[in-house]
Amino acid sequence: MEKDVNYLLHRQQMAMARAQASRSAEGKAAYSGLAQAYTDQIVAYRRENERLIARAH
């Protein structure tokens, strides 16, 4: 099931904020990892849209 890109962007921003606010190295690492995972999904979403747009023209 495809996720809304706005949802992914929101979750990425929340994870980044939590990583920055975390008091422990483990917390920072965990939230940074989540932020990166959301970033990867956003990049994949954008690449797929670019591919679909290019194919349509």
Protein backbone atom coordinates (compact mmCIF):
# COMPACT_ATOMS: atom_id res chain seq x y z
CA MET A 1 0.00 0.00 0.00
CA GLU A 2 1.37 3.37 -1.02
CA LYS A 3 1.81 5.99 1.68
CA ASP A 4 1.04 9.63 1.22
CA VAL A 5 4.28 11.57 0.69
CA ASN A 6 3.10 14.22 3.14
CA TYR A 7 2.85 11.53 5.81
CA LEU A 8 6.40 10.42 5.03
CA LEU A 9 7.68 14.00 5.15
CA HIS A 10 5.95 14.61 8.47
CA ARG A 11 7.33 11.42 10.02
CA GLN A 12 10.82 12.25 8.72
CA GLN A 13 10.69 15.69 10.33
CA MET A 14 9.39 14.29 13.62
CA ALA A 15 12.15 11.67 13.72
CA MET A 16 14.78 14.32 13.00
CA ALA A 17 13.43 16.56 15.77
CA ARG A 18 13.37 13.66 18.21
CA ALA A 19 16.92 12.69 17.28
CA GLN A 20 18.08 16.22 17.94
CA ALA A 21 16.22 16.39 21.26
CA SER A 22 17.26 12.95 22.47
CA ARG A 23 19.47 12.90 25.54
CA SER A 24 21.05 9.54 24.84
CA ALA A 25 23.33 8.39 22.05
CA GLU A 26 21.08 5.35 21.55
CA GLY A 27 18.02 7.55 21.17
CA LYS A 28 19.77 9.84 18.71
CA ALA A 29 20.91 6.83 16.68
CA ALA A 30 17.47 5.22 16.70
CA TYR A 31 15.63 8.36 15.63
CA SER A 32 18.31 9.20 13.06
CA GLY A 33 17.85 5.72 11.62
CA LEU A 34 14.11 6.25 11.41
CA ALA A 35 14.61 9.62 9.72
CA GLN A 36 16.93 7.98 7.18
CA ALA A 37 14.41 5.24 6.50
CA TYR A 38 11.73 7.84 5.81
CA THR A 39 14.18 9.75 3.61
CA ASP A 40 14.80 6.58 1.61
CA GLN A 41 11.05 6.10 1.12
CA ILE A 42 10.62 9.74 0.04
CA VAL A 43 13.44 9.42 -2.49
CA ALA A 44 11.92 6.20 -3.87
CA TYR A 45 8.51 7.88 -4.11
CA ARG A 46 9.97 10.84 -6.00
CA ARG A 47 11.96 8.63 -8.37
CA GLU A 48 8.87 6.59 -9.19
CA ASN A 49 6.88 9.75 -9.90
CA GLU A 50 9.66 11.08 -12.13
CA ARG A 51 9.70 7.78 -14.00
CA LEU A 52 5.94 7.86 -14.48
CA ILE A 53 5.98 11.47 -15.66
CA ALA A 54 8.81 10.85 -18.11
CA ARG A 55 7.00 7.80 -19.47
CA ALA A 56 3.80 9.81 -19.97
CA HIS A 57 5.54 12.37 -22.19
